[in-house]
Amino acid sequence: MVKHGLVIGMSMAALLTVGCARQPATMTTSSAPAPTGAAMTTGADPGLASTSEAVRNAAEARSAARLAGTADRPSPSEFSEVRDLADIHFDFDRYDIRAEHVTILDANAAWLKANANSLLLIEGHCDTRGTNEYNVALGDRRAKATMNYLVAHGVKSTRISIISYGEERPSCATDDEACWAKNRRAHFLLKRG
């Protein structure tokens, strides 16, 4: 009986040691949750909970450092619209650059390189579907994807700031797909240096 209990105890210890594979925590530098809608695991596994807490602490530290470094960055109110920079739009619940918007971004990149003394603000926007938190995170990813494209095509990253408004600043207010499609966008504003 003792031998049987020992075997069961060793088997349980082995299972606890091996356990299930942990899912990597995906974090963005924004304070909103990732657009996947997945929540971080808490509670059941003390090791996983402390890992999640460490990830959260690291994200908060990065956020604080980013805020400390933005004192010299201009305020969004200092930027204005420029007709030479066209918006791009996104598919529902997506933040990847659509093939038909590559030419728009290429033209925007060429204009920005020719006007190198200007600072750029890229606003990320969403339609009204989804929670505010989800849309802020999705808008952030849209702005980052747009910025990454421009940087990859020669625009200096030090000239670019991003902000996400989520669903808070729609360009169209009708509840239909045509209007929602107009609201899913990256919008460009400029501050001349």
N, C-alpha and C. Protein backbone atom coordinates (compact mmCIF):
# COMPACT_ATOMS: atom_id res chain seq x y z
N MET A 1 0.82 -1.18 0.00
CA MET A 1 0.00 0.00 0.00
C MET A 1 0.88 1.26 0.00
N VAL A 2 1.93 1.25 0.84
CA VAL A 2 2.84 2.40 0.90
C VAL A 2 3.55 2.56 -0.44
N LYS A 3 3.95 1.42 -1.02
CA LYS A 3 4.65 1.46 -2.30
C LYS A 3 3.74 2.03 -3.39
N HIS A 4 2.46 1.63 -3.35
CA HIS A 4 1.49 2.14 -4.33
C HIS A 4 1.30 3.65 -4.16
N GLY A 5 1.23 4.13 -2.93
CA GLY A 5 1.09 5.56 -2.64
C GLY A 5 2.31 6.34 -3.10
N LEU A 6 3.49 5.73 -2.93
CA LEU A 6 4.73 6.37 -3.36
C LEU A 6 4.76 6.53 -4.89
N VAL A 7 4.31 5.51 -5.60
CA VAL A 7 4.26 5.56 -7.06
C VAL A 7 3.29 6.65 -7.51
N ILE A 8 2.14 6.71 -6.87
CA ILE A 8 1.16 7.74 -7.23
C ILE A 8 1.72 9.13 -6.93
N GLY A 9 2.36 9.28 -5.78
CA GLY A 9 2.94 10.57 -5.41
C GLY A 9 4.02 11.00 -6.39
N MET A 10 4.88 10.07 -6.82
CA MET A 10 5.93 10.39 -7.78
C MET A 10 5.33 10.74 -9.14
N SER A 11 4.27 10.03 -9.51
CA SER A 11 3.60 10.32 -10.78
C SER A 11 2.99 11.72 -10.77
N MET A 12 2.37 12.08 -9.65
CA MET A 12 1.77 13.41 -9.52
C MET A 12 2.85 14.49 -9.58
N ALA A 13 3.98 14.25 -8.92
CA ALA A 13 5.07 15.22 -8.93
C ALA A 13 5.61 15.41 -10.36
N ALA A 14 5.72 14.31 -11.09
CA ALA A 14 6.20 14.39 -12.47
C ALA A 14 5.22 15.18 -13.33
N LEU A 15 3.93 14.94 -13.16
CA LEU A 15 2.94 15.67 -13.92
C LEU A 15 2.96 17.15 -13.59
N LEU A 16 3.11 17.49 -12.32
CA LEU A 16 3.17 18.90 -11.92
C LEU A 16 4.42 19.57 -12.46
N THR A 17 5.53 18.82 -12.50
CA THR A 17 6.78 19.38 -13.01
C THR A 17 6.67 19.66 -14.50
N VAL A 18 6.15 18.68 -15.26
CA VAL A 18 6.02 18.82 -16.70
C VAL A 18 4.90 19.80 -17.02
N GLY A 19 3.71 19.54 -16.48
CA GLY A 19 2.57 20.44 -16.65
C GLY A 19 2.23 20.71 -18.10
N CYS A 20 1.47 21.70 -18.30
CA CYS A 20 1.09 22.13 -19.64
C CYS A 20 2.06 23.22 -20.10
N ALA A 21 2.23 23.31 -21.38
CA ALA A 21 3.09 24.36 -21.94
C ALA A 21 2.44 25.71 -21.67
N ARG A 22 3.21 26.65 -21.19
CA ARG A 22 2.68 27.99 -20.94
C ARG A 22 2.60 28.76 -22.24
N GLN A 23 1.55 29.52 -22.35
CA GLN A 23 1.40 30.39 -23.51
C GLN A 23 2.22 31.65 -23.29
N PRO A 24 2.94 32.12 -24.29
CA PRO A 24 3.71 33.35 -24.10
C PRO A 24 2.78 34.53 -23.87
N ALA A 25 3.16 35.41 -22.97
CA ALA A 25 2.37 36.60 -22.72
C ALA A 25 2.67 37.62 -23.81
N THR A 26 1.65 38.10 -24.45
CA THR A 26 1.86 39.12 -25.47
C THR A 26 1.47 40.45 -24.86
N MET A 27 2.38 41.37 -24.90
CA MET A 27 2.15 42.69 -24.31
C MET A 27 2.45 43.75 -25.36
N THR A 28 1.68 44.79 -25.34
CA THR A 28 2.00 45.95 -26.16
C THR A 28 2.39 47.07 -25.22
N THR A 29 2.97 48.12 -25.76
CA THR A 29 3.37 49.22 -24.90
C THR A 29 2.19 50.09 -24.50
N SER A 30 1.03 49.85 -25.09
CA SER A 30 -0.13 50.62 -24.67
C SER A 30 -0.73 49.98 -23.42
N SER A 31 -1.52 50.71 -22.69
CA SER A 31 -2.09 50.19 -21.46
C SER A 31 -3.34 49.36 -21.72
N ALA A 32 -3.84 49.37 -22.93
CA ALA A 32 -5.03 48.60 -23.25
C ALA A 32 -4.65 47.16 -23.55
N PRO A 33 -5.58 46.22 -23.40
CA PRO A 33 -5.27 44.83 -23.69
C PRO A 33 -5.04 44.61 -25.17
N ALA A 34 -4.31 43.54 -25.49
CA ALA A 34 -4.06 43.20 -26.89
C ALA A 34 -5.37 42.91 -27.59
N PRO A 35 -5.52 43.25 -28.88
CA PRO A 35 -6.77 43.07 -29.59
C PRO A 35 -7.23 41.64 -29.74
N THR A 36 -6.44 40.67 -29.33
CA THR A 36 -6.88 39.30 -29.46
C THR A 36 -8.01 38.98 -28.51
N GLY A 37 -8.21 39.81 -27.49
CA GLY A 37 -9.26 39.57 -26.53
C GLY A 37 -8.85 38.56 -25.49
N ALA A 38 -7.65 37.99 -25.59
CA ALA A 38 -7.19 36.99 -24.65
C ALA A 38 -6.77 37.66 -23.35
N ALA A 39 -7.22 37.10 -22.23
CA ALA A 39 -6.85 37.64 -20.93
C ALA A 39 -5.63 36.90 -20.42
N MET A 40 -4.84 37.57 -19.60
CA MET A 40 -3.69 36.91 -19.00
C MET A 40 -4.18 35.98 -17.90
N THR A 41 -3.52 34.86 -17.72
CA THR A 41 -3.89 33.88 -16.70
C THR A 41 -3.48 34.39 -15.34
N THR A 42 -4.37 34.24 -14.36
CA THR A 42 -4.04 34.60 -12.99
C THR A 42 -4.57 33.55 -12.05
N GLY A 43 -3.98 33.45 -10.90
CA GLY A 43 -4.57 32.68 -9.82
C GLY A 43 -4.15 31.24 -9.70
N ALA A 44 -4.56 30.35 -10.57
CA ALA A 44 -4.45 28.92 -10.34
C ALA A 44 -3.01 28.45 -10.13
N ASP A 45 -2.10 28.84 -10.98
CA ASP A 45 -0.71 28.42 -10.88
C ASP A 45 0.11 29.56 -10.30
N PRO A 46 0.61 29.43 -9.04
CA PRO A 46 1.35 30.53 -8.43
C PRO A 46 2.55 30.96 -9.26
N GLY A 47 3.24 30.04 -9.91
CA GLY A 47 4.39 30.40 -10.74
C GLY A 47 3.96 31.22 -11.94
N LEU A 48 2.84 30.86 -12.54
CA LEU A 48 2.33 31.60 -13.69
C LEU A 48 1.84 32.98 -13.25
N ALA A 49 1.21 33.05 -12.09
CA ALA A 49 0.72 34.34 -11.60
C ALA A 49 1.89 35.28 -11.36
N SER A 50 2.99 34.78 -10.79
CA SER A 50 4.13 35.66 -10.55
C SER A 50 4.79 36.07 -11.87
N THR A 51 4.77 35.17 -12.86
CA THR A 51 5.29 35.51 -14.18
C THR A 51 4.43 36.61 -14.80
N SER A 52 3.11 36.47 -14.70
CA SER A 52 2.21 37.48 -15.24
C SER A 52 2.42 38.81 -14.53
N GLU A 53 2.62 38.77 -13.23
CA GLU A 53 2.87 39.99 -12.48
C GLU A 53 4.18 40.64 -12.92
N ALA A 54 5.19 39.83 -13.16
CA ALA A 54 6.48 40.36 -13.61
C ALA A 54 6.34 41.00 -14.99
N VAL A 55 5.57 40.36 -15.86
CA VAL A 55 5.35 40.92 -17.20
C VAL A 55 4.62 42.25 -17.09
N ARG A 56 3.58 42.31 -16.23
CA ARG A 56 2.85 43.56 -16.03
C ARG A 56 3.76 44.64 -15.48
N ASN A 57 4.60 44.29 -14.49
CA ASN A 57 5.51 45.27 -13.91
C ASN A 57 6.48 45.80 -14.95
N ALA A 58 6.99 44.92 -15.80
CA ALA A 58 7.91 45.34 -16.85
C ALA A 58 7.22 46.27 -17.84
N ALA A 59 5.96 45.95 -18.19
CA ALA A 59 5.21 46.79 -19.11
C ALA A 59 4.95 48.16 -18.49
N GLU A 60 4.64 48.19 -17.20
CA GLU A 60 4.43 49.47 -16.52
C GLU A 60 5.71 50.29 -16.49
N ALA A 61 6.83 49.63 -16.28
CA ALA A 61 8.12 50.34 -16.26
C ALA A 61 8.43 50.93 -17.63
N ARG A 62 8.16 50.14 -18.71
CA ARG A 62 8.39 50.65 -20.06
C ARG A 62 7.48 51.83 -20.34
N SER A 63 6.23 51.74 -19.90
CA SER A 63 5.28 52.81 -20.11
C SER A 63 5.72 54.08 -19.38
N ALA A 64 6.18 53.94 -18.13
CA ALA A 64 6.65 55.10 -17.37
C ALA A 64 7.88 55.71 -18.03
N ALA A 65 8.79 54.85 -18.51
CA ALA A 65 9.99 55.36 -19.18
C ALA A 65 9.61 56.08 -20.47
N ARG A 66 8.64 55.54 -21.18
CA ARG A 66 8.20 56.17 -22.42
C ARG A 66 7.57 57.53 -22.13
N LEU A 67 6.76 57.61 -21.06
CA LEU A 67 6.16 58.89 -20.70
C LEU A 67 7.21 59.90 -20.27
N ALA A 68 8.22 59.44 -19.55
CA ALA A 68 9.28 60.35 -19.11
C ALA A 68 10.04 60.90 -20.31
N GLY A 69 10.19 60.09 -21.35
CA GLY A 69 10.92 60.52 -22.54
C GLY A 69 10.09 61.33 -23.51
N THR A 70 8.79 61.49 -23.25
CA THR A 70 7.94 62.22 -24.18
C THR A 70 7.77 63.68 -23.81
N ALA A 71 8.47 64.13 -22.79
CA ALA A 71 8.33 65.52 -22.39
C ALA A 71 8.71 66.46 -23.53
N ASP A 72 9.65 66.05 -24.38
CA ASP A 72 10.07 66.89 -25.49
C ASP A 72 9.25 66.65 -26.75
N ARG A 73 8.34 65.68 -26.71
CA ARG A 73 7.49 65.43 -27.87
C ARG A 73 6.37 66.44 -27.92
N PRO A 74 5.99 66.84 -29.12
CA PRO A 74 4.90 67.82 -29.25
C PRO A 74 3.55 67.21 -28.88
N SER A 75 2.65 68.06 -28.48
CA SER A 75 1.29 67.66 -28.15
C SER A 75 0.50 67.43 -29.44
N PRO A 76 -0.48 66.52 -29.43
CA PRO A 76 -1.30 66.33 -30.64
C PRO A 76 -1.96 67.62 -31.12
N SER A 77 -2.23 68.55 -30.21
CA SER A 77 -2.87 69.81 -30.62
C SER A 77 -1.95 70.68 -31.46
N GLU A 78 -0.65 70.39 -31.48
CA GLU A 78 0.29 71.16 -32.28
C GLU A 78 0.34 70.70 -33.74
N PHE A 79 -0.34 69.63 -34.07
CA PHE A 79 -0.32 69.07 -35.41
C PHE A 79 -1.56 69.51 -36.19
N SER A 80 -1.42 69.58 -37.51
CA SER A 80 -2.56 69.95 -38.35
C SER A 80 -2.59 69.07 -39.60
N GLU A 81 -3.73 69.10 -40.25
CA GLU A 81 -3.92 68.27 -41.45
C GLU A 81 -3.14 68.85 -42.62
N VAL A 82 -2.70 67.95 -43.48
CA VAL A 82 -2.00 68.31 -44.70
C VAL A 82 -2.66 67.53 -45.83
N ARG A 83 -3.11 68.23 -46.84
CA ARG A 83 -3.84 67.54 -47.92
C ARG A 83 -2.95 66.60 -48.73
N ASP A 84 -1.63 66.78 -48.64
CA ASP A 84 -0.71 65.94 -49.40
C ASP A 84 -0.54 64.54 -48.81
N LEU A 85 -1.00 64.33 -47.59
CA LEU A 85 -0.90 63.02 -46.94
C LEU A 85 -2.28 62.39 -46.86
N ALA A 86 -2.44 61.27 -47.55
CA ALA A 86 -3.74 60.61 -47.61
C ALA A 86 -3.85 59.53 -46.53
N ASP A 87 -5.05 59.38 -45.99
CA ASP A 87 -5.34 58.33 -45.01
C ASP A 87 -5.29 56.97 -45.69
N ILE A 88 -5.05 55.95 -44.88
CA ILE A 88 -5.23 54.58 -45.36
C ILE A 88 -6.29 53.94 -44.48
N HIS A 89 -6.92 52.88 -45.00
CA HIS A 89 -8.01 52.23 -44.28
C HIS A 89 -7.69 50.75 -44.06
N PHE A 90 -8.38 50.16 -43.13
CA PHE A 90 -8.11 48.79 -42.71
C PHE A 90 -9.38 47.95 -42.77
N ASP A 91 -9.18 46.65 -42.91
CA ASP A 91 -10.30 45.71 -42.85
C ASP A 91 -10.78 45.60 -41.41
N PHE A 92 -11.99 45.09 -41.24
CA PHE A 92 -12.57 44.91 -39.91
C PHE A 92 -11.67 44.03 -39.06
N ASP A 93 -11.38 44.51 -37.86
CA ASP A 93 -10.62 43.76 -36.86
C ASP A 93 -9.21 43.41 -37.32
N ARG A 94 -8.62 44.21 -38.21
CA ARG A 94 -7.28 43.96 -38.75
C ARG A 94 -6.43 45.21 -38.62
N TYR A 95 -5.12 45.00 -38.62
CA TYR A 95 -4.19 46.13 -38.60
C TYR A 95 -3.08 45.97 -39.63
N ASP A 96 -3.22 45.00 -40.54
CA ASP A 96 -2.21 44.86 -41.58
C ASP A 96 -2.52 45.81 -42.74
N ILE A 97 -1.46 46.25 -43.40
CA ILE A 97 -1.58 47.20 -44.51
C ILE A 97 -2.15 46.47 -45.72
N ARG A 98 -3.23 46.99 -46.27
CA ARG A 98 -3.84 46.37 -47.45
C ARG A 98 -3.00 46.68 -48.69
N ALA A 99 -2.97 45.75 -49.62
CA ALA A 99 -2.16 45.89 -50.83
C ALA A 99 -2.51 47.16 -51.61
N GLU A 100 -3.79 47.52 -51.65
CA GLU A 100 -4.18 48.71 -52.41
C GLU A 100 -3.76 50.02 -51.75
N HIS A 101 -3.28 49.96 -50.50
CA HIS A 101 -2.82 51.17 -49.82
C HIS A 101 -1.30 51.35 -49.85
N VAL A 102 -0.61 50.42 -50.45
CA VAL A 102 0.85 50.51 -50.56
C VAL A 102 1.24 51.74 -51.37
N THR A 103 0.54 52.01 -52.46
CA THR A 103 0.88 53.17 -53.28
C THR A 103 0.62 54.48 -52.53
N ILE A 104 -0.42 54.51 -51.70
CA ILE A 104 -0.70 55.70 -50.89
C ILE A 104 0.42 55.92 -49.89
N LEU A 105 0.82 54.85 -49.21
CA LEU A 105 1.90 54.97 -48.22
C LEU A 105 3.23 55.30 -48.89
N ASP A 106 3.48 54.75 -50.07
CA ASP A 106 4.70 55.10 -50.80
C ASP A 106 4.72 56.59 -51.14
N ALA A 107 3.59 57.12 -51.58
CA ALA A 107 3.49 58.55 -51.89
C ALA A 107 3.66 59.38 -50.62
N ASN A 108 3.06 58.94 -49.51
CA ASN A 108 3.22 59.65 -48.23
C ASN A 108 4.68 59.64 -47.79
N ALA A 109 5.35 58.49 -47.94
CA ALA A 109 6.76 58.39 -47.55
C ALA A 109 7.62 59.31 -48.41
N ALA A 110 7.37 59.36 -49.71
CA ALA A 110 8.14 60.24 -50.60
C ALA A 110 7.92 61.70 -50.21
N TRP A 111 6.69 62.09 -49.91
CA TRP A 111 6.40 63.46 -49.52
C TRP A 111 7.09 63.79 -48.20
N LEU A 112 7.04 62.85 -47.25
CA LEU A 112 7.68 63.09 -45.94
C LEU A 112 9.20 63.21 -46.08
N LYS A 113 9.80 62.41 -46.94
CA LYS A 113 11.26 62.51 -47.15
C LYS A 113 11.62 63.84 -47.81
N ALA A 114 10.77 64.33 -48.70
CA ALA A 114 11.02 65.62 -49.35
C ALA A 114 10.79 66.79 -48.40
N ASN A 115 10.01 66.58 -47.35
CA ASN A 115 9.72 67.60 -46.34
C ASN A 115 10.28 67.14 -45.00
N ALA A 116 11.58 66.94 -44.96
CA ALA A 116 12.25 66.29 -43.83
C ALA A 116 12.25 67.10 -42.54
N ASN A 117 11.88 68.36 -42.59
CA ASN A 117 11.88 69.16 -41.36
C ASN A 117 10.54 69.12 -40.63
N SER A 118 9.62 68.28 -41.06
CA SER A 118 8.29 68.18 -40.46
C SER A 118 8.20 66.96 -39.56
N LEU A 119 7.40 67.08 -38.50
CA LEU A 119 7.11 65.96 -37.62
C LEU A 119 5.75 65.39 -38.00
N LEU A 120 5.60 64.09 -37.86
CA LEU A 120 4.38 63.40 -38.26
C LEU A 120 3.70 62.79 -37.05
N LEU A 121 2.39 62.92 -36.99
CA LEU A 121 1.57 62.23 -36.00
C LEU A 121 0.63 61.30 -36.76
N ILE A 122 0.69 60.02 -36.43
CA ILE A 122 -0.21 59.05 -37.04
C ILE A 122 -1.26 58.69 -36.01
N GLU A 123 -2.52 58.94 -36.35
CA GLU A 123 -3.63 58.59 -35.48
C GLU A 123 -4.21 57.25 -35.92
N GLY A 124 -4.43 56.34 -34.98
CA GLY A 124 -5.10 55.08 -35.26
C GLY A 124 -6.56 55.17 -34.85
N HIS A 125 -7.46 54.80 -35.77
CA HIS A 125 -8.91 54.90 -35.53
C HIS A 125 -9.60 53.58 -35.83
N CYS A 126 -10.76 53.38 -35.21
CA CYS A 126 -11.57 52.17 -35.37
C CYS A 126 -13.03 52.53 -35.59
N ASP A 127 -13.82 51.54 -35.97
CA ASP A 127 -15.26 51.76 -36.00
C ASP A 127 -15.82 51.52 -34.59
N THR A 128 -17.12 51.63 -34.44
CA THR A 128 -17.73 51.58 -33.11
C THR A 128 -17.94 50.18 -32.56
N ARG A 129 -17.67 49.16 -33.32
CA ARG A 129 -17.88 47.80 -32.84
C ARG A 129 -16.72 47.38 -31.94
N GLY A 130 -17.00 46.73 -30.85
CA GLY A 130 -15.98 46.31 -29.89
C GLY A 130 -15.94 47.24 -28.70
N THR A 131 -15.24 46.83 -27.65
CA THR A 131 -15.15 47.65 -26.45
C THR A 131 -14.19 48.81 -26.69
N ASN A 132 -14.29 49.82 -25.84
CA ASN A 132 -13.37 50.96 -25.95
C ASN A 132 -11.92 50.50 -25.82
N GLU A 133 -11.65 49.64 -24.84
CA GLU A 133 -10.28 49.17 -24.60
C GLU A 133 -9.75 48.41 -25.81
N TYR A 134 -10.56 47.55 -26.36
CA TYR A 134 -10.16 46.78 -27.54
C TYR A 134 -9.85 47.71 -28.70
N ASN A 135 -10.71 48.69 -28.92
CA ASN A 135 -10.52 49.60 -30.05
C ASN A 135 -9.32 50.51 -29.87
N VAL A 136 -9.01 50.91 -28.64
CA VAL A 136 -7.81 51.71 -28.41
C VAL A 136 -6.58 50.88 -28.75
N ALA A 137 -6.56 49.61 -28.32
CA ALA A 137 -5.42 48.74 -28.62
C ALA A 137 -5.32 48.47 -30.12
N LEU A 138 -6.43 48.26 -30.78
CA LEU A 138 -6.43 48.02 -32.23
C LEU A 138 -5.99 49.27 -32.98
N GLY A 139 -6.46 50.43 -32.57
CA GLY A 139 -6.02 51.68 -33.18
C GLY A 139 -4.53 51.90 -33.02
N ASP A 140 -4.00 51.51 -31.85
CA ASP A 140 -2.56 51.61 -31.60
C ASP A 140 -1.79 50.71 -32.56
N ARG A 141 -2.27 49.51 -32.77
CA ARG A 141 -1.61 48.59 -33.69
C ARG A 141 -1.69 49.08 -35.13
N ARG A 142 -2.77 49.70 -35.49
CA ARG A 142 -2.90 50.27 -36.84
C ARG A 142 -1.89 51.41 -37.04
N ALA A 143 -1.78 52.28 -36.04
CA ALA A 143 -0.82 53.38 -36.14
C ALA A 143 0.61 52.86 -36.19
N LYS A 144 0.92 51.83 -35.39
CA LYS A 144 2.26 51.25 -35.38
C LYS A 144 2.59 50.57 -36.70
N ALA A 145 1.63 49.84 -37.27
CA ALA A 145 1.86 49.18 -38.55
C ALA A 145 2.14 50.21 -39.63
N THR A 146 1.41 51.31 -39.61
CA THR A 146 1.61 52.39 -40.57
C THR A 146 2.98 53.02 -40.38
N MET A 147 3.33 53.30 -39.12
CA MET A 147 4.64 53.89 -38.83
C MET A 147 5.75 52.95 -39.28
N ASN A 148 5.63 51.66 -38.99
CA ASN A 148 6.66 50.70 -39.39
C ASN A 148 6.85 50.67 -40.89
N TYR A 149 5.76 50.79 -41.64
CA TYR A 149 5.87 50.81 -43.10
C TYR A 149 6.65 52.05 -43.55
N LEU A 150 6.30 53.20 -43.00
CA LEU A 150 6.98 54.44 -43.39
C LEU A 150 8.46 54.41 -43.02
N VAL A 151 8.78 53.89 -41.84
CA VAL A 151 10.18 53.79 -41.41
C VAL A 151 10.95 52.85 -42.33
N ALA A 152 10.32 51.73 -42.70
CA ALA A 152 10.97 50.78 -43.61
C ALA A 152 11.21 51.39 -44.98
N HIS A 153 10.49 52.46 -45.31
CA HIS A 153 10.63 53.12 -46.61
C HIS A 153 11.33 54.47 -46.50
N GLY A 154 12.15 54.63 -45.46
CA GLY A 154 13.07 55.75 -45.40
C GLY A 154 12.68 56.95 -44.56
N VAL A 155 11.53 56.94 -43.91
CA VAL A 155 11.16 58.05 -43.04
C VAL A 155 11.77 57.78 -41.66
N LYS A 156 12.46 58.77 -41.10
CA LYS A 156 13.12 58.57 -39.81
C LYS A 156 12.09 58.41 -38.69
N SER A 157 12.30 57.39 -37.88
CA SER A 157 11.36 57.11 -36.79
C SER A 157 11.32 58.23 -35.76
N THR A 158 12.38 58.99 -35.63
CA THR A 158 12.42 60.07 -34.65
C THR A 158 11.48 61.22 -35.01
N ARG A 159 10.99 61.22 -36.24
CA ARG A 159 10.05 62.26 -36.69
C ARG A 159 8.61 61.86 -36.47
N ILE A 160 8.36 60.61 -36.06
CA ILE A 160 7.00 60.07 -36.03
C ILE A 160 6.55 59.83 -34.59
N SER A 161 5.33 60.28 -34.30
CA SER A 161 4.64 59.96 -33.06
C SER A 161 3.33 59.28 -33.44
N ILE A 162 2.84 58.44 -32.55
CA ILE A 162 1.56 57.79 -32.82
C ILE A 162 0.63 57.99 -31.63
N ILE A 163 -0.66 57.93 -31.92
CA ILE A 163 -1.69 58.00 -30.89
C ILE A 163 -2.88 57.19 -31.38
N SER A 164 -3.58 56.57 -30.46
CA SER A 164 -4.78 55.83 -30.81
C SER A 164 -5.99 56.49 -30.18
N TYR A 165 -6.99 56.75 -30.99
CA TYR A 165 -8.25 57.27 -30.48
C TYR A 165 -9.33 56.20 -30.46
N GLY A 166 -9.01 54.99 -30.92
CA GLY A 166 -10.01 53.94 -30.93
C GLY A 166 -11.21 54.38 -31.74
N GLU A 167 -12.39 54.32 -31.11
CA GLU A 167 -13.63 54.70 -31.78
C GLU A 167 -14.08 56.12 -31.44
N GLU A 168 -13.28 56.86 -30.68
CA GLU A 168 -13.69 58.14 -30.12
C GLU A 168 -13.78 59.29 -31.12
N ARG A 169 -13.12 59.22 -32.25
CA ARG A 169 -13.14 60.32 -33.23
C ARG A 169 -13.51 59.81 -34.62
N PRO A 170 -14.77 59.42 -34.78
CA PRO A 170 -15.17 58.88 -36.08
C PRO A 170 -15.22 59.96 -37.16
N SER A 171 -14.95 59.56 -38.39
CA SER A 171 -15.09 60.49 -39.50
C SER A 171 -16.49 60.39 -40.10
N CYS A 172 -17.23 59.35 -39.71
CA CYS A 172 -18.57 59.10 -40.21
C CYS A 172 -19.40 58.56 -39.05
N ALA A 173 -20.68 58.94 -38.95
CA ALA A 173 -21.48 58.56 -37.78
C ALA A 173 -22.64 57.62 -38.07
N THR A 174 -22.77 57.12 -39.27
CA THR A 174 -23.86 56.20 -39.61
C THR A 174 -23.48 54.78 -39.21
N ASP A 175 -24.45 54.00 -38.74
CA ASP A 175 -24.18 52.61 -38.36
C ASP A 175 -24.42 51.67 -39.54
N ASP A 176 -23.50 51.68 -40.50
CA ASP A 176 -23.53 50.73 -41.60
C ASP A 176 -22.09 50.47 -42.05
N GLU A 177 -21.91 49.44 -42.84
CA GLU A 177 -20.56 49.02 -43.23
C GLU A 177 -19.79 50.10 -43.99
N ALA A 178 -20.46 50.83 -44.86
CA ALA A 178 -19.77 51.87 -45.63
C ALA A 178 -19.17 52.93 -44.69
N CYS A 179 -19.90 53.30 -43.68
CA CYS A 179 -19.41 54.28 -42.71
C CYS A 179 -18.33 53.67 -41.82
N TRP A 180 -18.54 52.46 -41.34
CA TRP A 180 -17.55 51.80 -40.49
C TRP A 180 -16.21 51.69 -41.22
N ALA A 181 -16.26 51.38 -42.52
CA ALA A 181 -15.03 51.25 -43.31
C ALA A 181 -14.26 52.57 -43.36
N LYS A 182 -14.96 53.70 -43.38
CA LYS A 182 -14.29 55.01 -43.39
C LYS A 182 -13.62 55.29 -42.05
N ASN A 183 -14.18 54.76 -40.97
CA ASN A 183 -13.64 55.02 -39.63
C ASN A 183 -12.43 54.16 -39.29
N ARG A 184 -12.25 53.04 -39.95
CA ARG A 184 -11.10 52.15 -39.70
C ARG A 184 -9.91 52.69 -40.50
N ARG A 185 -9.13 53.59 -39.87
CA ARG A 185 -8.12 54.30 -40.66
C ARG A 185 -6.90 54.68 -39.83
N ALA A 186 -5.85 55.01 -40.57
CA ALA A 186 -4.69 55.71 -40.01
C ALA A 186 -4.73 57.09 -40.64
N HIS A 187 -4.73 58.09 -39.79
CA HIS A 187 -4.86 59.49 -40.22
C HIS A 187 -3.55 60.21 -39.95
N PHE A 188 -3.12 61.06 -40.88
CA PHE A 188 -1.83 61.72 -40.79
C PHE A 188 -1.97 63.20 -40.51
N LEU A 189 -1.23 63.68 -39.51
CA LEU A 189 -1.18 65.10 -39.17
C LEU A 189 0.29 65.51 -39.13
N LEU A 190 0.53 66.78 -39.38
CA LEU A 190 1.91 67.25 -39.50
C LEU A 190 2.16 68.48 -38.64
N LYS A 191 3.36 68.56 -38.14
CA LYS A 191 3.83 69.77 -37.47
C LYS A 191 5.10 70.21 -38.22
N ARG A 192 5.02 71.35 -38.82
CA ARG A 192 6.18 71.84 -39.57
C ARG A 192 7.22 72.38 -38.61
N GLY A 193 8.48 71.99 -38.89
CA GLY A 193 9.58 72.40 -38.01
C GLY A 193 10.18 73.72 -38.36
